[in-house]
Structures are given as C-alpha cells and as structure tokens.
C-alpha cells in the first residue's frame, strides 16, 4: 500500500538508538505516530534490539485509552525484563493506517512525518 492512499494500511519499521540503559522490568515505550494516523491494534507488533526479539507484555488495550480512544495515533508497550545498553538499536515493526485527506489542506499534504518515541519507568 502507498503512503499516499488515504486510510490504507501500511507496514512500518521504526528504528531508534537508545541514549540510556534500559533495564527496569515494566519499562514503557510510547510511540506517537503523525496526526491522523491510527494503529491497527489487531496486527502484530514486534520489537527487536540489535536483531534480537524484546519481550513485550501481552497487547491488551483498554477501550478508554489510546489507541482505542483518542488520540488513536498513540500506543504504549510494556517491556518485560529488558537488558538494553546505551547505543542499542531498537526496531519496531507493525501496521499503521494512513490519515484521511483533510479537504481544507492542499491535496498533496497528508500529514507531517513526525514520530515521537518516549521511554519511561512506570510509577
């Protein structure tokens, strides 16, 4: 599917490099996709660190929280027993649904291509 087709499903691969050590059980990874995009929550999400799979908690989503509630472009994952050093390359793979075209904007402009990746300890 094309990133130019409104509401088409696209497989994505997001790569980030860790600036800090991540070793706390339950560490959270929150990803915010560009405005208007939505996560396909039934599709598998995989996270790997330098090519090795990272264990995530089961993907059970609360209907009152993203991505099932607004903002639907945000998803939060819980890492189980992570042991990731500074400089580790993380790769997240999954499916996202393109934003609809906003008729008030230029037809060529769908959305900014800005993703926000946050990691934090629970509590």
C-alpha atoms as a PDB file:
ATOM      1  CA  UNK A   1       0.000   0.000   0.000  1.00  0.00           C
ATOM      2  CA  UNK A   2       1.024   3.540  -0.598  1.00  0.00           C
ATOM      3  CA  UNK A   3       1.578   6.236   1.990  1.00  0.00           C
ATOM      4  CA  UNK A   4      -0.339   8.476  -0.419  1.00  0.00           C
ATOM      5  CA  UNK A   5      -3.606   6.490  -0.259  1.00  0.00           C
ATOM      6  CA  UNK A   6      -5.931   7.767   2.493  1.00  0.00           C
ATOM      7  CA  UNK A   7      -6.780   5.181   5.156  1.00  0.00           C
ATOM      8  CA  UNK A   8      -4.676   2.441   3.525  1.00  0.00           C
ATOM      9  CA  UNK A   9      -2.870   0.015   5.833  1.00  0.00           C
ATOM     10  CA  UNK A  10       0.917   0.235   5.762  1.00  0.00           C
ATOM     11  CA  UNK A  11       3.531  -1.957   7.351  1.00  0.00           C
ATOM     12  CA  UNK A  12       6.124   0.203   9.031  1.00  0.00           C
ATOM     13  CA  UNK A  13       9.548  -0.188  10.534  1.00  0.00           C
ATOM     14  CA  UNK A  14      10.662   2.420  13.060  1.00  0.00           C
ATOM     15  CA  UNK A  15      14.312   2.448  14.163  1.00  0.00           C
ATOM     16  CA  UNK A  16      15.740   4.286  17.164  1.00  0.00           C
ATOM     17  CA  UNK A  17      19.051   4.175  19.045  1.00  0.00           C
ATOM     18  CA  UNK A  18      18.985   4.163  22.844  1.00  0.00           C
ATOM     19  CA  UNK A  19      20.679   7.073  24.604  1.00  0.00           C
ATOM     20  CA  UNK A  20      20.270   5.473  28.062  1.00  0.00           C
ATOM     21  CA  UNK A  21      20.424   1.982  29.542  1.00  0.00           C
ATOM     22  CA  UNK A  22      17.018   0.267  29.806  1.00  0.00           C
ATOM     23  CA  UNK A  23      16.913  -2.450  32.474  1.00  0.00           C
ATOM     24  CA  UNK A  24      13.750  -1.908  34.554  1.00  0.00           C
ATOM     25  CA  UNK A  25      11.048  -4.576  34.322  1.00  0.00           C
ATOM     26  CA  UNK A  26       7.883  -2.921  33.077  1.00  0.00           C
ATOM     27  CA  UNK A  27       9.697  -0.079  31.302  1.00  0.00           C
ATOM     28  CA  UNK A  28       7.226   1.614  28.940  1.00  0.00           C
ATOM     29  CA  UNK A  29       7.703   2.529  25.304  1.00  0.00           C
ATOM     30  CA  UNK A  30       5.191   5.070  23.971  1.00  0.00           C
ATOM     31  CA  UNK A  31       5.051   5.798  20.250  1.00  0.00           C
ATOM     32  CA  UNK A  32       3.058   8.666  18.788  1.00  0.00           C
ATOM     33  CA  UNK A  33       2.540   8.492  15.029  1.00  0.00           C
ATOM     34  CA  UNK A  34       1.844  11.569  12.881  1.00  0.00           C
ATOM     35  CA  UNK A  35      -1.516  13.270  13.469  1.00  0.00           C
ATOM     36  CA  UNK A  36      -4.411  11.496  11.763  1.00  0.00           C
ATOM     37  CA  UNK A  37      -2.754   8.089  11.544  1.00  0.00           C
ATOM     38  CA  UNK A  38      -4.190   5.218  13.612  1.00  0.00           C
ATOM     39  CA  UNK A  39      -2.680   1.991  14.940  1.00  0.00           C
ATOM     40  CA  UNK A  40      -4.078  -1.286  13.693  1.00  0.00           C
ATOM     41  CA  UNK A  41      -4.307  -2.927  17.113  1.00  0.00           C
ATOM     42  CA  UNK A  42      -5.218  -6.395  15.787  1.00  0.00           C
ATOM     43  CA  UNK A  43      -1.960  -6.521  13.802  1.00  0.00           C
ATOM     44  CA  UNK A  44       1.187  -7.902  15.444  1.00  0.00           C
ATOM     45  CA  UNK A  45       3.794  -5.504  16.804  1.00  0.00           C
ATOM     46  CA  UNK A  46       7.347  -6.730  17.197  1.00  0.00           C
ATOM     47  CA  UNK A  47      10.261  -5.050  18.927  1.00  0.00           C
ATOM     48  CA  UNK A  48      13.848  -6.142  18.467  1.00  0.00           C
ATOM     49  CA  UNK A  49      17.134  -4.895  19.898  1.00  0.00           C
ATOM     50  CA  UNK A  50      20.068  -5.230  17.515  1.00  0.00           C
ATOM     51  CA  UNK A  51      18.204  -8.066  15.785  1.00  0.00           C
ATOM     52  CA  UNK A  52      17.167  -9.942  18.969  1.00  0.00           C
ATOM     53  CA  UNK A  53      13.487 -10.049  19.972  1.00  0.00           C
ATOM     54  CA  UNK A  54      12.483  -7.982  23.023  1.00  0.00           C
ATOM     55  CA  UNK A  55       9.712  -9.484  25.167  1.00  0.00           C
ATOM     56  CA  UNK A  56       6.602  -7.313  25.378  1.00  0.00           C
ATOM     57  CA  UNK A  57       3.650  -7.716  27.732  1.00  0.00           C
ATOM     58  CA  UNK A  58       0.515  -9.087  26.090  1.00  0.00           C
ATOM     59  CA  UNK A  59      -1.167  -6.453  23.946  1.00  0.00           C
ATOM     60  CA  UNK A  60      -4.390  -5.918  25.875  1.00  0.00           C
ATOM     61  CA  UNK A  61      -5.789  -2.477  25.174  1.00  0.00           C
ATOM     62  CA  UNK A  62      -8.110  -0.586  27.495  1.00  0.00           C
ATOM     63  CA  UNK A  63     -11.051   0.843  25.488  1.00  0.00           C
ATOM     64  CA  UNK A  64     -10.775   4.123  27.419  1.00  0.00           C
ATOM     65  CA  UNK A  65      -7.105   4.704  26.477  1.00  0.00           C
ATOM     66  CA  UNK A  66      -5.151   5.112  23.241  1.00  0.00           C
ATOM     67  CA  UNK A  67      -5.033   3.600  20.686  1.00  0.00           C
ATOM     68  CA  UNK A  68      -8.706   2.614  21.119  1.00  0.00           C
ATOM     69  CA  UNK A  69      -9.628   6.077  22.444  1.00  0.00           C
ATOM     70  CA  UNK A  70      -8.328   9.461  21.282  1.00  0.00           C
ATOM     71  CA  UNK A  71      -5.603  10.077  20.354  1.00  0.00           C
ATOM     72  CA  UNK A  72      -5.672   6.936  18.225  1.00  0.00           C
ATOM     73  CA  UNK A  73      -2.199   7.688  16.875  1.00  0.00           C
ATOM     74  CA  UNK A  74      -0.557   6.764  20.202  1.00  0.00           C
ATOM     75  CA  UNK A  75       0.361   3.312  21.516  1.00  0.00           C
ATOM     76  CA  UNK A  76       2.138   2.223  24.714  1.00  0.00           C
ATOM     77  CA  UNK A  77       4.084  -1.033  25.049  1.00  0.00           C
ATOM     78  CA  UNK A  78       5.459  -2.636  28.222  1.00  0.00           C
ATOM     79  CA  UNK A  79       8.890  -4.286  28.114  1.00  0.00           C
ATOM     80  CA  UNK A  80       9.425  -7.389  30.246  1.00  0.00           C
ATOM     81  CA  UNK A  81      12.857  -7.914  31.826  1.00  0.00           C
ATOM     82  CA  UNK A  82      14.721  -5.631  29.388  1.00  0.00           C
ATOM     83  CA  UNK A  83      18.517  -5.547  29.425  1.00  0.00           C
ATOM     84  CA  UNK A  84      19.422  -2.974  26.797  1.00  0.00           C
ATOM     85  CA  UNK A  85      22.629  -0.957  26.776  1.00  0.00           C
ATOM     86  CA  UNK A  86      23.292   2.589  25.623  1.00  0.00           C
ATOM     87  CA  UNK A  87      23.676   2.624  21.843  1.00  0.00           C
ATOM     88  CA  UNK A  88      21.415  -0.390  21.252  1.00  0.00           C
ATOM     89  CA  UNK A  89      19.407  -0.123  18.037  1.00  0.00           C
ATOM     90  CA  UNK A  90      15.675  -0.795  18.563  1.00  0.00           C
ATOM     91  CA  UNK A  91      13.400  -1.727  15.653  1.00  0.00           C
ATOM     92  CA  UNK A  92       9.617  -1.680  15.979  1.00  0.00           C
ATOM     93  CA  UNK A  93       7.525  -3.304  13.234  1.00  0.00           C
ATOM     94  CA  UNK A  94       3.762  -3.135  12.904  1.00  0.00           C
ATOM     95  CA  UNK A  95       0.850  -1.779  10.877  1.00  0.00           C
ATOM     96  CA  UNK A  96      -0.488   1.742  10.784  1.00  0.00           C
ATOM     97  CA  UNK A  97      -3.498   3.126   8.948  1.00  0.00           C
ATOM     98  CA  UNK A  98      -2.889   6.261   6.877  1.00  0.00           C
ATOM     99  CA  UNK A  99      -4.537   9.539   7.778  1.00  0.00           C
ATOM    100  CA  UNK A 100      -7.562  10.634   5.769  1.00  0.00           C
ATOM    101  CA  UNK A 101      -7.049  13.614   3.475  1.00  0.00           C
ATOM    102  CA  UNK A 102      -8.047  16.880   5.097  1.00  0.00           C
ATOM    103  CA  UNK A 103     -10.002  18.714   2.371  1.00  0.00           C
ATOM    104  CA  UNK A 104      -9.047  22.064   3.880  1.00  0.00           C
ATOM    105  CA  UNK A 105      -5.374  21.356   3.129  1.00  0.00           C
ATOM    106  CA  UNK A 106      -3.502  21.113  -0.125  1.00  0.00           C
ATOM    107  CA  UNK A 107      -4.263  17.671  -1.585  1.00  0.00           C
ATOM    108  CA  UNK A 108      -0.566  16.847  -1.635  1.00  0.00           C
ATOM    109  CA  UNK A 109      -0.253  17.454   2.113  1.00  0.00           C
ATOM    110  CA  UNK A 110      -1.429  14.461   4.142  1.00  0.00           C
ATOM    111  CA  UNK A 111       0.369  14.926   7.444  1.00  0.00           C
ATOM    112  CA  UNK A 112       3.715  15.843   8.888  1.00  0.00           C
ATOM    113  CA  UNK A 113       6.018  12.853   9.102  1.00  0.00           C
ATOM    114  CA  UNK A 114       6.953  13.343  12.767  1.00  0.00           C
ATOM    115  CA  UNK A 115       7.019  10.369  15.149  1.00  0.00           C
ATOM    116  CA  UNK A 116       7.577  10.739  18.895  1.00  0.00           C
ATOM    117  CA  UNK A 117       9.239   7.900  20.812  1.00  0.00           C
ATOM    118  CA  UNK A 118       9.297   8.034  24.618  1.00  0.00           C
ATOM    119  CA  UNK A 119      10.630   5.567  27.188  1.00  0.00           C
ATOM    120  CA  UNK A 120       9.810   5.818  30.853  1.00  0.00           C
ATOM    121  CA  UNK A 121       9.669   3.765  34.044  1.00  0.00           C
ATOM    122  CA  UNK A 122       6.222   3.065  35.488  1.00  0.00           C
ATOM    123  CA  UNK A 123       5.122   4.705  38.687  1.00  0.00           C
END
